[in-house]
Amino acid sequence: MRLEMWMHRRVSEAGRPGDETILEIGAGTLNHVDYETRCRRYDAVEPFRELYAGSSRLPRIAALYGDILDVPAGNRYDRILSVAVLEHLTDLPAVVARGAALMAPDGIFQAGIPSEGGYLWGAAWRSTTGVLFRLRTGLGYGSLMRYEHVNSAKEILEVVRYFFSSVRVRRFPFPFHNLSLYTYLEAAEPRKEACAAYLHRIADERR
């Protein structure tokens, strides 16, 4: 948990004091809210209500949605963020494209993710959580991870770069994919035609 704080801090550092709006994707227990103390409005997307039910942080959330597609199309956010979420999404391109469409003109899309697929990340969970999980259950943690982390860090970066013209990357503790535990992405300048085309295709499929 202490290591994961790096992602929360990197995301919150991009905040601009004053009148800004935030949409968090996959807010979970709302634990990132504590890192954002200067925004005007904080909306969140989280389908699993049991994670935030009864949370003392709920009064700080202006609107909660079960799906990013439920967010009104007219909403605009200065920052759209997620922490340890994108690696779990089976509809990753749709979420990123929709996020880009909801951004304010000078907004940014931010994500903190594990460096899934990298050597150090793999070695870290195999020698810590993986060992404890096998001792406790007799099962291999790798099978669980294959179902939980369906997107690698490189795949996520490819998707974000497809929908955004400007993407910055930072890694921890070292600036190399294979020697990092976590990765921070910050994207701006959405490729509007690519986003619109993908969202249009999704709408057609749903009809």
Protein backbone atom coordinates (compact mmCIF):
# COMPACT_ATOMS: atom_id res chain seq x y z
CA MET A 1 0.00 0.00 0.00
CA ARG A 2 2.87 2.36 0.74
CA LEU A 3 4.36 1.71 -2.68
CA GLU A 4 1.00 2.35 -4.34
CA MET A 5 0.96 5.80 -2.73
CA TRP A 6 3.44 6.81 -5.43
CA MET A 7 0.65 6.55 -8.02
CA HIS A 8 -1.78 8.58 -5.93
CA ARG A 9 0.80 11.30 -5.35
CA ARG A 10 1.79 11.52 -9.03
CA VAL A 11 -1.84 11.90 -10.06
CA SER A 12 -2.63 14.54 -7.44
CA GLU A 13 0.51 16.57 -8.18
CA ALA A 14 -0.95 17.54 -11.56
CA GLY A 15 -3.84 19.28 -9.83
CA ARG A 16 -4.27 22.97 -10.38
CA PRO A 17 -5.35 25.08 -7.39
CA GLY A 18 -8.83 26.52 -7.59
CA ASP A 19 -11.73 25.95 -9.91
CA GLU A 20 -11.18 22.52 -11.50
CA THR A 21 -13.42 19.53 -12.09
CA ILE A 22 -12.39 15.88 -11.73
CA LEU A 23 -13.81 12.56 -12.93
CA GLU A 24 -12.27 9.45 -11.38
CA ILE A 25 -12.63 6.15 -13.23
CA GLY A 26 -12.89 3.11 -10.96
CA ALA A 27 -13.02 5.02 -7.69
CA GLY A 28 -13.33 1.86 -5.57
CA THR A 29 -13.35 2.74 -1.87
CA LEU A 30 -12.91 6.45 -2.77
CA ASN A 31 -9.42 6.37 -1.24
CA HIS A 32 -7.98 8.75 -3.83
CA VAL A 33 -10.37 11.50 -2.77
CA ASP A 34 -8.12 12.28 0.21
CA TYR A 35 -5.36 13.32 -2.20
CA GLU A 36 -7.53 15.88 -4.01
CA THR A 37 -8.32 18.75 -1.67
CA ARG A 38 -8.54 21.72 -4.03
CA CYS A 39 -11.09 20.82 -6.71
CA ARG A 40 -14.49 22.42 -7.22
CA ARG A 41 -16.31 19.24 -8.29
CA TYR A 42 -15.38 15.57 -7.95
CA ASP A 43 -17.41 12.98 -9.89
CA ALA A 44 -16.64 9.27 -9.92
CA VAL A 45 -17.33 6.07 -11.84
CA GLU A 46 -17.58 2.85 -9.82
CA PRO A 47 -19.89 -0.07 -10.68
CA PHE A 48 -19.34 -1.99 -7.40
CA ARG A 49 -21.39 -0.05 -4.86
CA GLU A 50 -20.36 -2.25 -1.94
CA LEU A 51 -16.85 -0.78 -2.15
CA TYR A 52 -17.93 2.74 -1.23
CA ALA A 53 -21.21 2.14 0.65
CA GLY A 54 -21.14 3.99 3.97
CA SER A 55 -17.84 5.73 3.21
CA SER A 56 -17.17 8.97 5.07
CA ARG A 57 -15.83 10.31 1.77
CA LEU A 58 -19.18 10.09 -0.03
CA PRO A 59 -20.22 13.70 0.79
CA ARG A 60 -17.25 14.92 -1.26
CA ILE A 61 -18.53 13.16 -4.40
CA ALA A 62 -20.90 15.28 -6.47
CA ALA A 63 -22.09 12.44 -8.75
CA LEU A 64 -21.45 8.69 -8.86
CA TYR A 65 -21.95 6.65 -12.05
CA GLY A 66 -21.97 2.91 -12.60
CA ASP A 67 -20.39 3.20 -16.06
CA ILE A 68 -18.42 5.92 -17.81
CA LEU A 69 -21.00 5.75 -20.61
CA ASP A 70 -23.58 6.95 -18.05
CA VAL A 71 -21.75 10.25 -17.57
CA PRO A 72 -23.73 12.96 -19.41
CA ALA A 73 -22.16 13.73 -22.77
CA GLY A 74 -22.22 17.45 -22.01
CA ASN A 75 -20.03 17.15 -18.91
CA ARG A 76 -16.48 18.46 -19.19
CA TYR A 77 -13.64 17.72 -16.80
CA ASP A 78 -10.27 19.36 -16.28
CA ARG A 79 -8.81 16.06 -15.11
CA ILE A 80 -9.94 12.49 -15.77
CA LEU A 81 -7.97 10.08 -13.63
CA SER A 82 -7.63 6.50 -12.48
CA VAL A 83 -5.34 4.68 -10.06
CA ALA A 84 -4.68 0.91 -10.44
CA VAL A 85 -7.75 0.45 -12.64
CA LEU A 86 -6.91 0.35 -16.37
CA GLU A 87 -5.10 -2.98 -16.10
CA HIS A 88 -8.42 -4.61 -15.08
CA LEU A 89 -10.68 -3.28 -17.85
CA THR A 90 -11.88 -5.61 -20.61
CA ASP A 91 -13.30 -2.58 -22.48
CA LEU A 92 -10.17 -0.43 -22.15
CA PRO A 93 -10.33 1.36 -25.56
CA ALA A 94 -13.96 2.36 -24.96
CA VAL A 95 -13.16 3.80 -21.53
CA VAL A 96 -10.16 5.77 -22.76
CA ALA A 97 -12.03 7.10 -25.81
CA ARG A 98 -15.01 8.13 -23.68
CA GLY A 99 -12.69 9.79 -21.18
CA ALA A 100 -11.08 11.78 -23.98
CA ALA A 101 -14.50 12.91 -25.17
CA LEU A 102 -15.39 14.19 -21.69
CA MET A 103 -12.24 16.29 -21.25
CA ALA A 104 -12.25 20.07 -21.14
CA PRO A 105 -10.27 21.75 -23.97
CA ASP A 106 -7.12 22.04 -21.84
CA GLY A 107 -7.83 18.93 -19.75
CA ILE A 108 -5.60 15.94 -19.05
CA PHE A 109 -6.14 12.18 -18.78
CA GLN A 110 -4.11 10.56 -15.98
CA ALA A 111 -3.50 6.97 -14.97
CA GLY A 112 -1.39 5.23 -12.38
CA ILE A 113 -0.88 1.55 -13.27
CA PRO A 114 1.35 -1.34 -12.21
CA SER A 115 4.18 -2.03 -14.65
CA GLU A 116 2.45 -5.28 -15.61
CA GLY A 117 4.57 -7.37 -17.98
CA GLY A 118 7.85 -5.94 -16.68
CA TYR A 119 10.56 -7.99 -14.97
CA LEU A 120 10.64 -6.13 -11.63
CA TRP A 121 6.86 -6.07 -11.25
CA GLY A 122 6.64 -9.81 -11.94
CA ALA A 123 9.50 -10.64 -9.58
CA ALA A 124 7.99 -8.45 -6.85
CA TRP A 125 4.57 -10.11 -6.68
CA ARG A 126 6.00 -13.61 -7.16
CA SER A 127 8.32 -13.17 -4.18
CA THR A 128 5.80 -11.46 -1.86
CA THR A 129 2.06 -11.74 -2.46
CA GLY A 130 2.49 -14.87 -4.56
CA VAL A 131 4.30 -16.71 -1.77
CA LEU A 132 1.79 -15.65 0.89
CA PHE A 133 -1.15 -16.60 -1.35
CA ARG A 134 0.23 -20.11 -1.96
CA LEU A 135 0.95 -20.65 1.75
CA ARG A 136 -2.55 -19.52 2.65
CA THR A 137 -4.53 -21.28 -0.10
CA GLY A 138 -2.23 -23.81 -1.76
CA LEU A 139 -3.03 -22.17 -5.11
CA GLY A 140 -0.88 -20.33 -7.64
CA TYR A 141 -1.29 -16.54 -7.60
CA GLY A 142 -0.26 -16.34 -11.26
CA SER A 143 -3.57 -17.80 -12.43
CA LEU A 144 -5.46 -15.14 -10.48
CA MET A 145 -3.27 -12.39 -11.90
CA ARG A 146 -3.95 -13.52 -15.48
CA TYR A 147 -7.66 -13.01 -14.91
CA GLU A 148 -7.28 -9.80 -12.89
CA HIS A 149 -4.68 -7.94 -14.95
CA VAL A 150 -5.99 -8.39 -18.47
CA ASN A 151 -3.98 -5.44 -19.87
CA SER A 152 -0.21 -5.05 -19.65
CA ALA A 153 1.41 -1.66 -19.10
CA LYS A 154 2.61 -1.60 -22.72
CA GLU A 155 -0.88 -2.40 -24.04
CA ILE A 156 -2.38 0.40 -21.95
CA LEU A 157 0.23 2.83 -23.22
CA GLU A 158 -0.53 1.83 -26.83
CA VAL A 159 -4.25 2.48 -26.34
CA VAL A 160 -3.66 5.85 -24.68
CA ARG A 161 -1.27 6.90 -27.46
CA TYR A 162 -3.86 5.89 -30.08
CA PHE A 163 -6.43 8.32 -28.64
CA PHE A 164 -4.09 11.14 -27.55
CA SER A 165 -1.41 13.11 -29.40
CA SER A 166 0.57 14.03 -26.29
CA VAL A 167 1.50 11.37 -23.71
CA ARG A 168 4.04 11.68 -20.88
CA VAL A 169 5.32 8.64 -18.97
CA ARG A 170 7.01 8.37 -15.57
CA ARG A 171 8.05 5.17 -13.81
CA PHE A 172 8.98 4.10 -10.28
CA PRO A 173 11.53 3.36 -8.91
CA PHE A 174 13.60 3.43 -12.12
CA PRO A 175 12.70 5.01 -15.48
CA PHE A 176 12.68 1.72 -17.40
CA HIS A 177 9.72 -0.58 -17.98
CA ASN A 178 11.48 -3.76 -16.85
CA LEU A 179 12.96 -2.08 -13.76
CA SER A 180 9.80 -0.36 -12.55
CA LEU A 181 6.97 -1.31 -10.23
CA TYR A 182 4.53 1.40 -11.25
CA THR A 183 3.92 3.64 -14.25
CA TYR A 184 2.25 7.05 -14.47
CA LEU A 185 0.67 8.23 -17.73
CA GLU A 186 -0.46 11.79 -18.46
CA ALA A 187 -2.19 12.45 -21.77
CA ALA A 188 -3.50 15.57 -23.50
CA GLU A 189 -4.65 16.70 -26.93
CA PRO A 190 -7.23 13.99 -27.76
CA ARG A 191 -7.35 12.69 -31.32
CA LYS A 192 -10.98 13.69 -31.76
CA GLU A 193 -11.62 11.80 -34.98
CA ALA A 194 -10.25 8.55 -33.57
CA CYS A 195 -12.31 8.93 -30.37
CA ALA A 196 -15.49 9.81 -32.24
CA ALA A 197 -15.10 6.92 -34.69
CA TYR A 198 -14.55 4.37 -31.92
CA LEU A 199 -17.45 5.63 -29.79
CA HIS A 200 -19.71 5.67 -32.86
CA ARG A 201 -18.81 2.03 -33.52
CA ILE A 202 -19.65 1.10 -29.92
CA ALA A 203 -23.01 2.88 -30.17
CA ASP A 204 -23.81 0.98 -33.39
CA GLU A 205 -22.92 -2.34 -31.74
CA ARG A 206 -25.16 -1.59 -28.76
CA ARG A 207 -28.08 -0.81 -31.06
